[in-house]
Protein backbone atom coordinates (compact mmCIF):
# COMPACT_ATOMS: atom_id res chain seq x y z
CA UNK A 1 94.79 -18.72 -81.32
CA UNK A 2 97.38 -18.27 -78.55
CA UNK A 3 96.33 -18.27 -74.84
CA UNK A 4 96.15 -14.96 -73.17
CA UNK A 5 99.27 -13.78 -71.40
CA UNK A 6 99.47 -13.44 -67.67
CA UNK A 7 99.85 -9.56 -68.17
CA UNK A 8 96.55 -9.42 -70.22
CA UNK A 9 94.70 -11.40 -67.73
CA UNK A 10 96.01 -9.12 -64.92
CA UNK A 11 94.98 -6.04 -66.89
CA UNK A 12 91.56 -7.44 -67.44
CA UNK A 13 91.12 -8.11 -63.76
CA UNK A 14 92.33 -4.53 -62.90
CA UNK A 15 89.61 -3.09 -65.29
CA UNK A 16 86.92 -5.37 -63.68
CA UNK A 17 87.76 -4.29 -60.09
CA UNK A 18 86.74 -0.52 -60.65
CA UNK A 19 83.71 -1.46 -62.62
CA UNK A 20 82.37 -3.90 -59.96
CA UNK A 21 83.17 -1.30 -57.32
CA UNK A 22 81.09 1.28 -59.19
CA UNK A 23 78.18 -1.17 -59.82
CA UNK A 24 78.21 -2.29 -56.31
CA UNK A 25 78.34 1.10 -54.72
CA UNK A 26 75.21 1.90 -56.67
CA UNK A 27 73.41 -1.04 -55.33
CA UNK A 28 74.66 -0.19 -51.88
CA UNK A 29 73.41 3.31 -52.35
CA UNK A 30 69.91 2.26 -53.03
CA UNK A 31 69.86 -0.27 -50.19
CA UNK A 32 71.36 2.10 -47.70
CA UNK A 33 69.09 4.97 -48.52
CA UNK A 34 65.84 3.00 -47.39
CA UNK A 35 67.54 2.25 -44.07
CA UNK A 36 68.95 5.66 -43.29
CA UNK A 37 65.85 7.58 -44.39
CA UNK A 38 63.68 5.37 -42.01
CA UNK A 39 65.71 6.57 -38.98
CA UNK A 40 65.27 10.11 -39.89
CA UNK A 41 61.44 10.22 -40.42
CA UNK A 42 60.52 11.42 -36.95
CA UNK A 43 62.72 14.43 -37.34
CA UNK A 44 61.52 15.16 -40.79
CA UNK A 45 57.90 15.21 -39.56
CA UNK A 46 59.01 17.47 -36.72
CA UNK A 47 60.59 19.89 -39.04
CA UNK A 48 58.21 19.89 -42.13
CA UNK A 49 54.92 18.92 -40.28
CA UNK A 50 52.55 16.81 -42.53
CA UNK A 51 52.05 13.89 -40.01
CA UNK A 52 48.97 12.74 -42.02
CA UNK A 53 51.06 12.28 -45.18
CA UNK A 54 54.49 11.31 -43.95
CA UNK A 55 54.13 7.65 -44.75
CA UNK A 56 54.25 8.58 -48.46
CA UNK A 57 57.91 9.29 -47.85
CA UNK A 58 58.42 5.67 -47.86
CA UNK A 59 55.28 4.44 -49.85
CA UNK A 60 55.94 6.83 -52.78
CA UNK A 61 59.61 5.70 -53.03
CA UNK A 62 58.56 2.11 -52.90
CA UNK A 63 55.72 2.58 -55.54
CA UNK A 64 57.91 4.28 -58.17
CA UNK A 65 61.03 2.07 -57.69
CA UNK A 66 58.89 -1.08 -57.98
CA UNK A 67 56.90 0.11 -60.98
CA UNK A 68 60.04 1.28 -62.88
CA UNK A 69 62.05 -2.14 -62.48
CA UNK A 70 60.66 -4.01 -65.52
CA UNK A 71 60.79 -0.93 -67.63
CA UNK A 72 64.46 -0.44 -67.03
CA UNK A 73 65.02 -4.07 -67.65
CA UNK A 74 63.30 -3.80 -71.06
CA UNK A 75 64.98 -0.53 -72.05
CA UNK A 76 68.31 -2.07 -71.35
CA UNK A 77 67.51 -4.84 -73.84
CA UNK A 78 66.49 -2.37 -76.46
CA UNK A 79 68.85 0.47 -76.06
CA UNK A 80 71.87 -0.76 -74.17
CA UNK A 81 72.84 -1.39 -70.49
CA UNK A 82 75.34 1.45 -69.70
CA UNK A 83 73.14 4.47 -70.88
CA UNK A 84 70.05 3.08 -69.04
CA UNK A 85 72.16 2.46 -65.86
CA UNK A 86 73.67 5.96 -65.96
CA UNK A 87 70.23 7.49 -66.37
CA UNK A 88 68.96 5.61 -63.32
CA UNK A 89 71.85 6.79 -61.24
CA UNK A 90 71.44 10.34 -62.43
CA UNK A 91 67.79 10.23 -61.56
CA UNK A 92 68.44 8.91 -58.15
CA UNK A 93 71.03 11.65 -57.46
CA UNK A 94 68.81 14.30 -58.71
CA UNK A 95 66.06 13.02 -56.50
CA UNK A 96 68.37 12.88 -53.45
CA UNK A 97 69.62 16.47 -53.99
CA UNK A 98 66.15 17.74 -54.42
CA UNK A 99 65.09 15.85 -51.23
CA UNK A 100 67.77 17.49 -49.28
CA UNK A 101 66.55 21.10 -50.11
CA UNK A 102 62.81 20.15 -49.97
CA UNK A 103 60.89 23.12 -48.27
CA UNK A 104 57.70 21.17 -47.49
CA UNK A 105 56.45 17.64 -46.98
CA UNK A 106 54.62 17.75 -50.42
CA UNK A 107 57.84 18.74 -52.28
CA UNK A 108 59.64 16.14 -50.17
CA UNK A 109 57.26 13.42 -51.28
CA UNK A 110 57.37 14.47 -54.85
CA UNK A 111 61.20 14.41 -54.82
CA UNK A 112 61.04 10.82 -53.18
CA UNK A 113 58.94 9.70 -56.17
CA UNK A 114 61.74 10.92 -58.45
CA UNK A 115 64.28 9.25 -56.28
CA UNK A 116 62.46 5.96 -56.40
CA UNK A 117 62.18 6.14 -60.17
CA UNK A 118 65.95 6.14 -60.35
CA UNK A 119 66.40 3.45 -57.59
CA UNK A 120 64.12 1.01 -59.55
CA UNK A 121 66.84 0.96 -62.34
CA UNK A 122 69.81 0.47 -60.14
CA UNK A 123 69.67 -3.14 -59.00
CA UNK A 124 68.19 -4.51 -62.29
CA UNK A 125 70.64 -2.73 -64.36
CA UNK A 126 73.62 -3.96 -62.46
CA UNK A 127 72.26 -7.54 -62.75
CA UNK A 128 71.97 -7.23 -66.35
CA UNK A 129 75.42 -5.56 -66.92
CA UNK A 130 77.23 -8.28 -64.89
CA UNK A 131 75.22 -10.87 -67.08
CA UNK A 132 76.74 -9.17 -70.15
CA UNK A 133 80.26 -9.00 -68.74
CA UNK A 134 80.56 -12.49 -67.60
CA UNK A 135 79.26 -15.98 -68.60
CA UNK A 136 76.96 -17.62 -66.14
CA UNK A 137 79.73 -19.72 -64.32
CA UNK A 138 81.96 -16.72 -63.76
CA UNK A 139 78.90 -14.58 -62.93
CA UNK A 140 78.19 -16.68 -59.89
CA UNK A 141 81.45 -15.72 -58.28
CA UNK A 142 80.56 -12.03 -58.25
CA UNK A 143 76.81 -12.46 -57.42
CA UNK A 144 77.66 -13.12 -53.80
CA UNK A 145 78.86 -9.59 -53.38
CA UNK A 146 75.22 -8.44 -53.60
CA UNK A 147 74.58 -10.30 -50.27
CA UNK A 148 77.39 -8.45 -48.77
CA UNK A 149 75.90 -5.05 -49.93
CA UNK A 150 72.55 -5.93 -48.54
CA UNK A 151 74.05 -7.03 -45.20
CA UNK A 152 76.44 -4.08 -44.80
CA UNK A 153 73.60 -1.60 -45.76
CA UNK A 154 71.18 -3.29 -43.32
CA UNK A 155 73.61 -2.88 -40.44
CA UNK A 156 75.10 0.35 -41.54
CA UNK A 157 71.82 2.17 -42.18
CA UNK A 158 70.57 2.20 -38.52
CA UNK A 159 74.08 2.72 -37.17
CA UNK A 160 74.73 5.80 -39.26
CA UNK A 161 71.21 7.18 -39.77
CA UNK A 162 70.60 8.10 -36.13
CA UNK A 163 73.87 9.69 -35.36
CA UNK A 164 73.96 11.48 -38.67
CA UNK A 165 70.49 13.04 -38.18
CA UNK A 166 71.36 13.94 -34.66
CA UNK A 167 74.50 15.76 -35.57
CA UNK A 168 73.79 17.27 -39.02
CA UNK A 169 70.05 17.22 -39.33
CA UNK A 170 67.72 15.02 -41.47
CA UNK A 171 68.74 16.66 -44.77
CA UNK A 172 72.13 15.18 -44.27
CA UNK A 173 70.85 11.55 -44.97
CA UNK A 174 70.14 12.68 -48.52
CA UNK A 175 73.31 14.62 -49.08
CA UNK A 176 75.11 11.42 -48.11
CA UNK A 177 74.13 9.92 -51.41
CA UNK A 178 75.78 12.42 -53.48
CA UNK A 179 79.40 11.66 -52.96
CA UNK A 180 78.79 7.85 -53.02
CA UNK A 181 76.78 8.29 -56.25
CA UNK A 182 79.47 10.53 -57.77
CA UNK A 183 82.15 7.91 -57.21
CA UNK A 184 79.94 5.20 -58.68
CA UNK A 185 79.12 7.21 -61.77
CA UNK A 186 82.77 8.10 -62.34
CA UNK A 187 83.88 4.54 -62.18
CA UNK A 188 81.27 3.19 -64.41
CA UNK A 189 81.65 6.02 -66.92
CA UNK A 190 85.48 5.60 -67.04
CA UNK A 191 86.02 1.90 -67.04
CA UNK A 192 82.85 0.15 -68.08
CA UNK A 193 83.22 -1.11 -71.67
CA UNK A 194 80.47 -3.29 -73.15
CA UNK A 195 80.19 -4.80 -76.65
CA UNK A 196 78.57 -2.23 -79.20
CA UNK A 197 74.86 -2.38 -78.84
CA UNK A 198 73.02 -2.74 -82.13
CA UNK A 199 70.40 -0.05 -82.10
CA UNK A 200 66.88 -1.28 -82.71
CA UNK A 201 63.84 0.70 -83.95
CA UNK A 202 61.21 -0.61 -81.47
CA UNK A 203 57.95 0.69 -80.35
CA UNK A 204 57.65 0.95 -76.51
CA UNK A 205 54.87 -1.17 -75.07
CA UNK A 206 52.90 1.71 -73.58
CA UNK A 207 49.76 -0.17 -73.07
CA UNK A 208 51.65 -3.03 -71.11
CA UNK A 209 53.64 -0.67 -69.11
CA UNK A 210 50.50 1.26 -68.00
CA UNK A 211 48.60 -1.88 -67.19
CA UNK A 212 51.65 -3.16 -65.28
CA UNK A 213 52.18 -0.14 -63.47
CA UNK A 214 48.51 0.02 -62.43
CA UNK A 215 48.67 -3.55 -61.08
CA UNK A 216 51.76 -2.88 -59.28
CA UNK A 217 50.72 0.46 -57.84
CA UNK A 218 47.46 -1.19 -56.65
CA UNK A 219 49.22 -4.06 -55.08
CA UNK A 220 51.85 -1.92 -53.47
CA UNK A 221 49.29 0.38 -51.75
CA UNK A 222 47.25 -2.59 -50.73
CA UNK A 223 50.43 -4.03 -49.06
CA UNK A 224 51.30 -0.65 -47.53
CA UNK A 225 47.72 0.16 -46.28
CA UNK A 226 46.19 -3.20 -45.31
CA UNK A 227 46.10 -3.99 -41.71
CA UNK A 228 47.42 -0.47 -40.74
CA UNK A 229 45.67 2.38 -42.30
CA UNK A 230 42.67 0.47 -43.53
CA UNK A 231 41.27 -2.95 -42.49
CA UNK A 232 41.67 -5.87 -44.69
CA UNK A 233 37.90 -5.88 -45.46
CA UNK A 234 37.44 -2.14 -45.99
CA UNK A 235 36.26 -0.82 -49.29
CA UNK A 236 39.60 0.69 -50.11
CA UNK A 237 41.49 -2.53 -49.74
CA UNK A 238 38.95 -4.45 -51.52
CA UNK A 239 39.02 -1.97 -54.22
CA UNK A 240 42.73 -2.08 -54.60
CA UNK A 241 42.56 -5.79 -54.75
CA UNK A 242 40.00 -5.86 -57.52
CA UNK A 243 42.02 -3.00 -59.33
CA UNK A 244 45.19 -5.19 -59.17
CA UNK A 245 43.41 -8.19 -60.65
CA UNK A 246 41.83 -6.23 -63.46
CA UNK A 247 45.17 -4.37 -64.45
CA UNK A 248 46.88 -7.82 -64.26
CA UNK A 249 44.51 -9.36 -66.74
CA UNK A 250 44.63 -6.34 -69.03
CA UNK A 251 48.37 -6.64 -68.90
CA UNK A 252 48.43 -10.25 -69.88
CA UNK A 253 46.01 -9.25 -72.81
CA UNK A 254 48.28 -6.37 -73.92
CA UNK A 255 51.50 -8.47 -73.64
CA UNK A 256 49.96 -11.05 -76.13
CA UNK A 257 49.51 -8.24 -78.54
CA UNK A 258 52.73 -6.07 -78.16
CA UNK A 259 55.48 -6.39 -80.63
CA UNK A 260 58.14 -5.64 -77.88
CA UNK A 261 56.43 -6.60 -74.57
CA UNK A 262 57.70 -5.21 -71.23
CA UNK A 263 57.75 -8.82 -69.86
CA UNK A 264 57.57 -11.37 -72.73
CA UNK A 265 55.08 -13.99 -71.68
CA UNK A 266 57.05 -16.61 -73.62
CA UNK A 267 59.66 -16.50 -70.87
CA UNK A 268 57.21 -18.42 -68.61
CA UNK A 269 57.33 -21.31 -71.02
CA UNK A 270 60.85 -22.06 -69.72
CA UNK A 271 60.24 -24.01 -66.37
CA UNK A 272 63.57 -22.77 -64.91
CA UNK A 273 62.42 -19.23 -65.37
CA UNK A 274 59.03 -19.87 -63.86
CA UNK A 275 60.37 -21.67 -60.85
CA UNK A 276 63.00 -19.05 -60.26
CA UNK A 277 60.45 -16.37 -60.14
CA UNK A 278 58.31 -18.26 -57.55
CA UNK A 279 61.36 -18.89 -55.42
CA UNK A 280 62.30 -15.33 -55.73
CA UNK A 281 58.81 -14.11 -54.55
CA UNK A 282 58.89 -16.51 -51.55
CA UNK A 283 62.38 -15.47 -50.64
CA UNK A 284 61.39 -11.75 -50.67
CA UNK A 285 58.04 -12.48 -48.74
CA UNK A 286 59.67 -14.57 -45.91
CA UNK A 287 63.22 -13.43 -45.56
CA UNK A 288 63.24 -9.89 -46.56
CA UNK A 289 59.55 -9.06 -45.49
CA UNK A 290 60.46 -10.30 -41.93
CA UNK A 291 63.65 -8.22 -41.26
CA UNK A 292 61.64 -5.26 -39.75
CA UNK A 293 60.02 -7.56 -37.37
CA UNK A 294 63.24 -9.30 -36.33
CA UNK A 295 64.59 -5.72 -35.38
CA UNK A 296 61.40 -4.97 -33.51
CA UNK A 297 61.86 -8.25 -31.48
CA UNK A 298 65.38 -7.40 -30.53
CA UNK A 299 64.37 -3.86 -29.50
CA UNK A 300 60.98 -4.13 -27.99
CA UNK A 301 60.77 -7.73 -26.79
CA UNK A 302 64.36 -8.30 -25.64
CA UNK A 303 65.01 -4.86 -24.36
CA UNK A 304 67.84 -3.66 -26.60
CA UNK A 305 68.25 0.10 -27.16
CA UNK A 306 67.71 1.48 -30.56
CA UNK A 307 71.36 2.11 -31.15
CA UNK A 308 72.27 -1.45 -30.07
CA UNK A 309 69.66 -3.06 -32.41
CA UNK A 310 71.74 -2.78 -35.53
CA UNK A 311 74.85 -4.32 -33.90
CA UNK A 312 72.65 -7.24 -32.40
CA UNK A 313 71.31 -7.83 -35.99
CA UNK A 314 74.82 -7.87 -37.27
CA UNK A 315 75.49 -11.57 -36.73
CA UNK A 316 72.34 -12.47 -38.84
CA UNK A 317 73.77 -10.26 -41.69
CA UNK A 318 77.19 -12.13 -41.29
CA UNK A 319 75.16 -15.34 -41.67
CA UNK A 320 73.71 -13.87 -45.00
CA UNK A 321 77.24 -13.01 -46.23
CA UNK A 322 78.77 -16.31 -45.21
CA UNK A 323 76.13 -18.56 -46.92
CA UNK A 324 75.77 -16.22 -50.01
CA UNK A 325 79.60 -15.86 -50.52
CA UNK A 326 80.24 -19.56 -49.80
CA UNK A 327 77.68 -20.96 -52.14
CA UNK A 328 78.66 -18.41 -54.79
CA UNK A 329 82.14 -19.76 -54.71
CA UNK A 330 81.00 -23.35 -54.94
CA UNK A 331 78.55 -22.56 -57.77
CA UNK A 332 81.36 -20.75 -59.64
CA UNK A 333 83.57 -23.83 -59.29
CA UNK A 334 80.99 -26.61 -60.14
CA UNK A 335 78.39 -24.74 -62.21
CA UNK A 336 75.50 -26.50 -60.13
CA UNK A 337 73.10 -24.42 -58.16
CA UNK A 338 69.93 -26.55 -57.94
CA UNK A 339 70.04 -27.58 -54.09
CA UNK A 340 70.80 -24.11 -52.64
CA UNK A 341 67.43 -22.66 -52.84
CA UNK A 342 65.99 -25.88 -51.48
CA UNK A 343 68.48 -25.97 -48.66
CA UNK A 344 67.75 -22.29 -47.91
CA UNK A 345 63.94 -22.82 -47.79
CA UNK A 346 64.46 -25.95 -45.49
CA UNK A 347 66.76 -24.13 -42.99
CA UNK A 348 64.44 -21.13 -43.09
CA UNK A 349 61.56 -23.36 -42.07
CA UNK A 350 63.51 -24.69 -39.07
CA UNK A 351 64.76 -21.13 -38.17
CA UNK A 352 61.09 -19.79 -38.32
CA UNK A 353 59.91 -22.59 -36.09
CA UNK A 354 62.62 -21.94 -33.61
CA UNK A 355 62.06 -18.19 -33.63
CA UNK A 356 58.30 -18.65 -33.06
CA UNK A 357 59.34 -20.08 -29.55
CA UNK A 358 61.18 -16.97 -28.49
CA UNK A 359 59.55 -14.81 -25.77
CA UNK A 360 60.79 -11.93 -23.60
CA UNK A 361 62.76 -14.36 -21.39
CA UNK A 362 64.75 -16.04 -24.16
CA UNK A 363 68.39 -15.31 -23.51
CA UNK A 364 70.29 -13.10 -25.89
CA UNK A 365 72.82 -15.85 -27.08
CA UNK A 366 69.82 -18.03 -28.00
CA UNK A 367 68.15 -15.16 -29.91
CA UNK A 368 71.36 -14.56 -31.88
CA UNK A 369 71.80 -18.19 -32.70
CA UNK A 370 68.33 -18.33 -34.30
CA UNK A 371 68.95 -15.02 -36.12
CA UNK A 372 72.21 -16.40 -37.57
CA UNK A 373 70.50 -19.56 -38.71
CA UNK A 374 67.86 -17.47 -40.30
CA UNK A 375 70.62 -15.42 -42.02
CA UNK A 376 72.30 -18.52 -43.31
CA UNK A 377 69.07 -19.44 -44.86
CA UNK A 378 68.44 -16.19 -46.51
CA UNK A 379 71.85 -15.97 -48.05
CA UNK A 380 71.23 -19.27 -49.92
CA UNK A 381 68.30 -17.59 -51.82
CA UNK A 382 69.61 -14.24 -52.60
CA UNK A 383 71.46 -14.71 -55.89
CA UNK A 384 70.49 -18.17 -57.21
CA UNK A 385 67.10 -17.36 -58.70
CA UNK A 386 68.52 -14.62 -60.99
CA UNK A 387 71.48 -16.87 -61.95
CA UNK A 388 69.20 -19.79 -62.75
CA UNK A 389 66.82 -17.62 -64.83
CA UNK A 390 69.60 -15.83 -66.72
CA UNK A 391 71.29 -19.09 -67.50
CA UNK A 392 68.51 -20.40 -69.72
CA UNK A 393 67.50 -16.99 -71.19
CA UNK A 394 68.30 -15.82 -74.60
CA UNK A 395 70.91 -12.94 -74.40
CA UNK A 396 68.35 -10.48 -75.86
CA UNK A 397 66.00 -11.15 -72.93
CA UNK A 398 68.59 -10.81 -70.09
CA UNK A 399 67.18 -7.49 -69.11
CA UNK A 400 63.55 -8.50 -69.07
CA UNK A 401 64.44 -11.60 -67.19
CA UNK A 402 66.54 -9.74 -64.50
CA UNK A 403 63.72 -7.15 -64.30
CA UNK A 404 61.04 -9.62 -63.75
CA UNK A 405 62.74 -11.62 -61.17
CA UNK A 406 63.80 -8.42 -59.25
CA UNK A 407 60.54 -6.64 -59.25
CA UNK A 408 58.53 -9.82 -58.24
CA UNK A 409 61.01 -10.31 -55.29
CA UNK A 410 60.20 -6.66 -54.48
CA UNK A 411 56.42 -7.35 -54.56
CA UNK A 412 56.90 -10.42 -52.42
CA UNK A 413 58.82 -8.27 -49.89
CA UNK A 414 56.01 -5.74 -49.84
CA UNK A 415 53.44 -8.40 -49.44
CA UNK A 416 55.44 -10.07 -46.60
CA UNK A 417 55.74 -6.74 -44.77
CA UNK A 418 51.93 -6.26 -45.10
CA UNK A 419 50.89 -9.80 -44.04
CA UNK A 420 53.35 -10.05 -41.24
CA UNK A 421 52.17 -6.53 -40.14
CA UNK A 422 48.59 -7.75 -40.02
CA UNK A 423 49.51 -10.75 -37.95
CA UNK A 424 51.50 -8.62 -35.58
CA UNK A 425 48.78 -6.00 -35.18
CA UNK A 426 46.05 -8.78 -34.48
CA UNK A 427 48.38 -10.44 -31.99
CA UNK A 428 49.36 -7.21 -30.25
CA UNK A 429 45.65 -6.22 -29.55
CA UNK A 430 44.61 -2.74 -28.15
CA UNK A 431 46.10 -2.72 -24.74
CA UNK A 432 49.32 -0.76 -23.69
CA UNK A 433 51.95 -3.18 -24.80
CA UNK A 434 54.90 -4.38 -22.78
CA UNK A 435 57.72 -6.65 -23.77
CA UNK A 436 55.65 -9.76 -23.17
CA UNK A 437 52.88 -8.39 -25.35
CA UNK A 438 55.41 -7.69 -28.29
CA UNK A 439 56.94 -11.09 -27.87
CA UNK A 440 53.48 -12.81 -28.06
CA UNK A 441 52.64 -10.80 -31.30
CA UNK A 442 55.91 -11.44 -32.89
CA UNK A 443 55.82 -15.18 -32.25
CA UNK A 444 52.78 -15.18 -34.46
CA UNK A 445 54.73 -13.40 -37.11
CA UNK A 446 57.51 -15.89 -37.05
CA UNK A 447 55.18 -18.78 -37.03
CA UNK A 448 53.57 -17.34 -40.24
CA UNK A 449 56.82 -17.67 -42.24
CA UNK A 450 57.28 -21.54 -42.28
CA UNK A 451 54.18 -22.34 -44.24
CA UNK A 452 55.17 -19.80 -46.93
CA UNK A 453 58.68 -21.16 -47.12
CA UNK A 454 57.24 -24.71 -47.39
CA UNK A 455 55.68 -23.50 -50.72
CA UNK A 456 59.14 -22.17 -51.76
CA UNK A 457 60.67 -25.55 -50.71
CA UNK A 458 58.35 -27.42 -52.91
CA UNK A 459 58.96 -25.05 -55.85
CA UNK A 460 62.81 -25.13 -55.29
CA UNK A 461 62.78 -28.89 -55.42
CA UNK A 462 61.40 -28.62 -59.04
CA UNK A 463 64.31 -26.52 -60.24
CA UNK A 464 66.26 -28.27 -62.94
CA UNK A 465 69.85 -29.11 -62.59
CA UNK A 466 71.04 -27.19 -65.67
CA UNK A 467 74.84 -26.46 -65.04
CA UNK A 468 75.71 -22.78 -65.52
CA UNK A 469 77.35 -22.24 -69.00
CA UNK A 470 81.11 -21.31 -69.15
CA UNK A 471 80.54 -18.98 -72.09
CA UNK A 472 77.85 -16.50 -73.20
């Protein structure tokens, strides 16, 4: 067989460019939405009322997006990646349009549930599609772009959300999704070509899905309410904890019996998959769970204005992009990924210890230096767990593997936000807080991260050095 010509290689790359653009736009859409909507919440409450229920605008979205992640992964395995991805985008855009015209708080929350149901399928479907398009070695080259999406969305959200709400009203933040989503849909429908999917006649694992949904819902509500709406020892929180354990036990039992389980338990026989999942949970907990509190320190403790906070966090996000893109290029060239998560965890421990020394008198350049270090650490852990898990997974399980890694990282993030929030609340006390009080409380938050990252470091050191395959 003759080697492909330069013209054919060029044509293939031209086709890859619009597909990747469409896929990454959809990921950017989901990440940006959470950031932009958060800035519009006060205006939403002022317009629609419902102060006692407004937290469900965020909690409901988080709940349905988290619950649906493993389902999308499995549906992609059974029925094909492209139709499942397009369904997720369509649900997200339908929910966005409905949110934009919602006449009341109750309707808005219901529409956010629909929007979250679509968002849950975006990231996992994109990961699975890229896994199907490219072999693991080449896949590493493109995975770094996810970090770029995360970083840009994290900075662009606060910078655009406030001005957009002030100029056009809070409904504009939902209308913003429609043109971006339309472009993503067009590019994927027009240019994505996957190998024909062999249709299978499979019985959906309803029992497993219900049990998993119950466990995730209980844990998500626990993470959202513990330490804020309810104390950690309240009957509600203890009941949610017990429900999560019972649902999880029932899920394991159901998966043992299911013909097509949502999460095949046999995947955990692979030590690479198990270690990757644990690293992903810790990364979500420590790195993503602390972003809110980093922003709070910059604003409340160091005295930055709300509009300047996004700009001051930009160097940290550039650190995320630099380490993620740099490691992705090296991984693509060498096929070796083992030491990057361990290096990220170790660097994160150092950054967490340094940030725990910050107070209201810490100079701005020092704060920015610590944030950049933290960003560099986070970037080394964003794409490697999924790459490692996909590398050893059978092709028919790529969706389930991607979904499991993604949704457990999301759960880790939710738990991180909750635990850090509890530490922050306890440290702040009941007095009228000033910059020194915020700094004191946030030092406790940052000091909590290193012990968690140490667990991740121990797990990452057990990751086997299995070079990425150069073929499917």
